[in-house]
Amino acid sequence: WMAKFECHFINGTEKVRLVVRGFYNREELVRFDSDVGRYVGLTPYGEKVARNLNSDPAEMERKRAAVDTYCRHNYEVVTPFSVERR
């Protein structure tokens, strides 16, 4: 099992999008998109996992808060390596 966290910054920290992707055996099973606000299953098994994660209020609150605690918090660290290199 592997998870990949992606922060997408639009106009600095004005619009921030968090995408968390869950993989198993190189296949993406489930995805959380902060714009959607819930997990989405991409395979039949991923749909079961997404249903389970979406039904956990603590997990949903944690993921929705991750936009601030993970993305916005690390913006100044990431900016010199991503935004300013274009």
N, C-alpha and C. Protein backbone atom coordinates (compact mmCIF):
# COMPACT_ATOMS: atom_id res chain seq x y z
N TRP A 1 0.86 -1.18 0.00
CA TRP A 1 0.00 0.00 0.00
C TRP A 1 0.89 1.23 0.00
N MET A 2 0.58 2.19 -0.86
CA MET A 2 1.34 3.43 -0.92
C MET A 2 0.35 4.59 -1.10
N ALA A 3 0.62 5.68 -0.43
CA ALA A 3 -0.20 6.88 -0.57
C ALA A 3 0.66 8.00 -1.12
N LYS A 4 0.09 8.79 -1.99
CA LYS A 4 0.79 9.93 -2.57
C LYS A 4 -0.03 11.18 -2.29
N PHE A 5 0.61 12.18 -1.67
CA PHE A 5 -0.05 13.44 -1.32
C PHE A 5 0.41 14.50 -2.31
N GLU A 6 -0.53 15.22 -2.90
CA GLU A 6 -0.21 16.28 -3.85
C GLU A 6 -0.93 17.55 -3.43
N CYS A 7 -0.18 18.65 -3.39
CA CYS A 7 -0.77 19.96 -3.10
C CYS A 7 -0.70 20.79 -4.38
N HIS A 8 -1.82 21.32 -4.80
CA HIS A 8 -1.89 22.16 -5.98
C HIS A 8 -2.21 23.58 -5.52
N PHE A 9 -1.30 24.51 -5.81
CA PHE A 9 -1.46 25.90 -5.38
C PHE A 9 -1.86 26.75 -6.58
N ILE A 10 -2.94 27.47 -6.44
CA ILE A 10 -3.41 28.37 -7.48
C ILE A 10 -3.42 29.77 -6.88
N ASN A 11 -2.64 30.67 -7.46
CA ASN A 11 -2.55 32.05 -6.97
C ASN A 11 -2.06 32.07 -5.52
N GLY A 12 -0.89 31.46 -5.31
CA GLY A 12 -0.32 31.40 -3.96
C GLY A 12 -1.13 30.45 -3.09
N THR A 13 -1.47 30.90 -1.91
CA THR A 13 -2.27 30.06 -1.02
C THR A 13 -3.74 30.46 -1.03
N GLU A 14 -4.11 31.28 -2.02
CA GLU A 14 -5.51 31.70 -2.10
C GLU A 14 -6.42 30.51 -2.39
N LYS A 15 -6.02 29.67 -3.33
CA LYS A 15 -6.79 28.48 -3.69
C LYS A 15 -5.83 27.29 -3.62
N VAL A 16 -6.08 26.41 -2.67
CA VAL A 16 -5.22 25.24 -2.47
C VAL A 16 -6.07 23.99 -2.61
N ARG A 17 -5.53 23.02 -3.32
CA ARG A 17 -6.24 21.76 -3.55
C ARG A 17 -5.33 20.62 -3.10
N LEU A 18 -5.85 19.73 -2.30
CA LEU A 18 -5.12 18.55 -1.84
C LEU A 18 -5.69 17.32 -2.52
N VAL A 19 -4.81 16.51 -3.08
CA VAL A 19 -5.21 15.24 -3.68
C VAL A 19 -4.38 14.15 -3.02
N VAL A 20 -5.05 13.18 -2.43
CA VAL A 20 -4.39 12.03 -1.81
C VAL A 20 -4.79 10.81 -2.62
N ARG A 21 -3.78 10.11 -3.13
CA ARG A 21 -4.05 8.95 -3.98
C ARG A 21 -3.51 7.70 -3.31
N GLY A 22 -4.33 6.65 -3.25
CA GLY A 22 -3.94 5.38 -2.64
C GLY A 22 -3.70 4.32 -3.69
N PHE A 23 -2.52 3.68 -3.63
CA PHE A 23 -2.13 2.68 -4.61
C PHE A 23 -1.87 1.33 -3.94
N TYR A 24 -2.12 0.28 -4.68
CA TYR A 24 -1.72 -1.06 -4.28
C TYR A 24 -1.30 -1.80 -5.54
N ASN A 25 -0.12 -2.39 -5.52
CA ASN A 25 0.44 -3.07 -6.71
C ASN A 25 0.42 -2.17 -7.94
N ARG A 26 0.84 -0.93 -7.77
CA ARG A 26 0.94 0.07 -8.84
C ARG A 26 -0.41 0.47 -9.46
N GLU A 27 -1.49 0.09 -8.84
CA GLU A 27 -2.82 0.43 -9.35
C GLU A 27 -3.47 1.41 -8.37
N GLU A 28 -3.98 2.51 -8.88
CA GLU A 28 -4.65 3.49 -8.02
C GLU A 28 -6.04 2.97 -7.68
N LEU A 29 -6.28 2.82 -6.38
CA LEU A 29 -7.54 2.26 -5.92
C LEU A 29 -8.52 3.33 -5.46
N VAL A 30 -8.01 4.32 -4.73
CA VAL A 30 -8.87 5.30 -4.11
C VAL A 30 -8.21 6.67 -4.15
N ARG A 31 -9.03 7.72 -4.18
CA ARG A 31 -8.50 9.09 -4.27
C ARG A 31 -9.36 10.02 -3.41
N PHE A 32 -8.69 10.90 -2.66
CA PHE A 32 -9.37 11.97 -1.94
C PHE A 32 -9.00 13.27 -2.61
N ASP A 33 -9.99 14.05 -2.98
CA ASP A 33 -9.78 15.36 -3.59
C ASP A 33 -10.49 16.38 -2.70
N SER A 34 -9.74 17.37 -2.20
CA SER A 34 -10.35 18.34 -1.29
C SER A 34 -11.43 19.17 -1.98
N ASP A 35 -11.37 19.30 -3.31
CA ASP A 35 -12.45 20.01 -4.01
C ASP A 35 -13.75 19.20 -3.98
N VAL A 36 -13.63 17.88 -4.05
CA VAL A 36 -14.80 17.01 -3.98
C VAL A 36 -15.23 16.85 -2.52
N GLY A 37 -14.25 16.73 -1.62
CA GLY A 37 -14.54 16.64 -0.19
C GLY A 37 -14.79 15.25 0.34
N ARG A 38 -14.49 14.23 -0.46
CA ARG A 38 -14.68 12.85 -0.02
C ARG A 38 -13.79 11.93 -0.84
N TYR A 39 -13.70 10.68 -0.40
CA TYR A 39 -12.93 9.67 -1.14
C TYR A 39 -13.76 9.15 -2.30
N VAL A 40 -13.08 8.82 -3.38
CA VAL A 40 -13.73 8.24 -4.56
C VAL A 40 -12.98 6.97 -4.90
N GLY A 41 -13.70 5.86 -5.04
CA GLY A 41 -13.10 4.59 -5.43
C GLY A 41 -12.93 4.52 -6.93
N LEU A 42 -11.78 4.03 -7.37
CA LEU A 42 -11.50 3.94 -8.80
C LEU A 42 -11.54 2.51 -9.32
N THR A 43 -11.65 1.55 -8.42
CA THR A 43 -11.80 0.14 -8.77
C THR A 43 -12.92 -0.42 -7.89
N PRO A 44 -13.40 -1.63 -8.18
CA PRO A 44 -14.45 -2.19 -7.31
C PRO A 44 -14.01 -2.29 -5.84
N TYR A 45 -12.78 -2.74 -5.60
CA TYR A 45 -12.29 -2.79 -4.23
C TYR A 45 -12.10 -1.38 -3.67
N GLY A 46 -11.63 -0.47 -4.49
CA GLY A 46 -11.44 0.92 -4.07
C GLY A 46 -12.75 1.58 -3.66
N GLU A 47 -13.86 1.19 -4.30
CA GLU A 47 -15.17 1.72 -3.92
C GLU A 47 -15.54 1.29 -2.51
N LYS A 48 -15.21 0.06 -2.14
CA LYS A 48 -15.47 -0.42 -0.78
C LYS A 48 -14.61 0.34 0.23
N VAL A 49 -13.34 0.54 -0.11
CA VAL A 49 -12.44 1.28 0.76
C VAL A 49 -12.95 2.72 0.92
N ALA A 50 -13.36 3.35 -0.19
CA ALA A 50 -13.84 4.72 -0.15
C ALA A 50 -15.10 4.82 0.71
N ARG A 51 -16.01 3.87 0.59
CA ARG A 51 -17.22 3.87 1.40
C ARG A 51 -16.87 3.79 2.89
N ASN A 52 -15.91 2.94 3.21
CA ASN A 52 -15.48 2.78 4.60
C ASN A 52 -14.84 4.06 5.13
N LEU A 53 -13.95 4.68 4.34
CA LEU A 53 -13.29 5.91 4.77
C LEU A 53 -14.27 7.07 4.87
N ASN A 54 -15.19 7.17 3.93
CA ASN A 54 -16.18 8.26 3.94
C ASN A 54 -17.14 8.16 5.12
N SER A 55 -17.32 6.96 5.65
CA SER A 55 -18.25 6.79 6.78
C SER A 55 -17.59 7.09 8.13
N ASP A 56 -16.28 7.35 8.13
CA ASP A 56 -15.55 7.66 9.37
C ASP A 56 -15.43 9.17 9.52
N PRO A 57 -16.21 9.79 10.42
CA PRO A 57 -16.20 11.26 10.55
C PRO A 57 -14.84 11.81 10.95
N ALA A 58 -14.09 11.09 11.78
CA ALA A 58 -12.77 11.56 12.21
C ALA A 58 -11.80 11.61 11.02
N GLU A 59 -11.84 10.59 10.19
CA GLU A 59 -10.97 10.55 9.01
C GLU A 59 -11.32 11.67 8.04
N MET A 60 -12.59 11.92 7.84
CA MET A 60 -13.00 12.97 6.92
C MET A 60 -12.58 14.35 7.43
N GLU A 61 -12.73 14.58 8.72
CA GLU A 61 -12.30 15.85 9.30
C GLU A 61 -10.79 16.03 9.18
N ARG A 62 -10.06 14.95 9.39
CA ARG A 62 -8.59 14.99 9.29
C ARG A 62 -8.16 15.33 7.86
N LYS A 63 -8.79 14.73 6.88
CA LYS A 63 -8.41 14.99 5.48
C LYS A 63 -8.81 16.39 5.05
N ARG A 64 -9.96 16.86 5.49
CA ARG A 64 -10.38 18.21 5.13
C ARG A 64 -9.47 19.25 5.78
N ALA A 65 -8.99 18.98 6.98
CA ALA A 65 -8.09 19.89 7.67
C ALA A 65 -6.68 19.83 7.10
N ALA A 66 -6.33 18.76 6.40
CA ALA A 66 -4.98 18.59 5.85
C ALA A 66 -4.64 19.66 4.82
N VAL A 67 -5.63 20.27 4.21
CA VAL A 67 -5.36 21.36 3.27
C VAL A 67 -4.59 22.46 3.99
N ASP A 68 -4.99 22.77 5.21
CA ASP A 68 -4.30 23.80 5.99
C ASP A 68 -3.06 23.25 6.68
N THR A 69 -3.19 22.10 7.34
CA THR A 69 -2.08 21.59 8.15
C THR A 69 -0.94 21.04 7.31
N TYR A 70 -1.22 20.54 6.12
CA TYR A 70 -0.19 19.94 5.27
C TYR A 70 0.23 20.87 4.13
N CYS A 71 -0.72 21.33 3.35
CA CYS A 71 -0.39 22.12 2.15
C CYS A 71 -0.01 23.56 2.49
N ARG A 72 -0.92 24.29 3.09
CA ARG A 72 -0.62 25.70 3.39
C ARG A 72 0.56 25.84 4.34
N HIS A 73 0.68 24.91 5.27
CA HIS A 73 1.77 24.95 6.24
C HIS A 73 3.13 24.80 5.55
N ASN A 74 3.20 23.99 4.51
CA ASN A 74 4.47 23.72 3.82
C ASN A 74 4.68 24.59 2.58
N TYR A 75 3.80 25.54 2.32
CA TYR A 75 3.89 26.34 1.10
C TYR A 75 5.22 27.07 0.99
N GLU A 76 5.67 27.71 2.05
CA GLU A 76 6.93 28.48 1.99
C GLU A 76 8.14 27.58 1.81
N VAL A 77 8.05 26.34 2.25
CA VAL A 77 9.15 25.39 2.07
C VAL A 77 9.21 24.91 0.63
N VAL A 78 8.06 24.65 0.02
CA VAL A 78 7.97 24.08 -1.31
C VAL A 78 8.17 25.14 -2.41
N THR A 79 7.77 26.37 -2.17
CA THR A 79 7.77 27.41 -3.19
C THR A 79 9.11 27.59 -3.90
N PRO A 80 10.24 27.66 -3.22
CA PRO A 80 11.49 27.87 -3.95
C PRO A 80 11.82 26.75 -4.93
N PHE A 81 11.32 25.55 -4.69
CA PHE A 81 11.64 24.42 -5.55
C PHE A 81 10.62 24.19 -6.66
N SER A 82 9.44 24.77 -6.54
CA SER A 82 8.41 24.50 -7.54
C SER A 82 7.98 25.76 -8.28
N VAL A 83 7.46 26.74 -7.61
CA VAL A 83 6.88 27.92 -8.26
C VAL A 83 7.95 28.79 -8.89
N GLU A 84 9.02 29.05 -8.17
CA GLU A 84 10.02 29.99 -8.66
C GLU A 84 10.92 29.41 -9.73
N ARG A 85 10.88 28.11 -9.99
CA ARG A 85 11.74 27.49 -11.00
C ARG A 85 11.16 27.57 -12.40
N ARG A 86 9.92 27.95 -12.54
CA ARG A 86 9.29 27.97 -13.86
C ARG A 86 9.95 28.96 -14.77
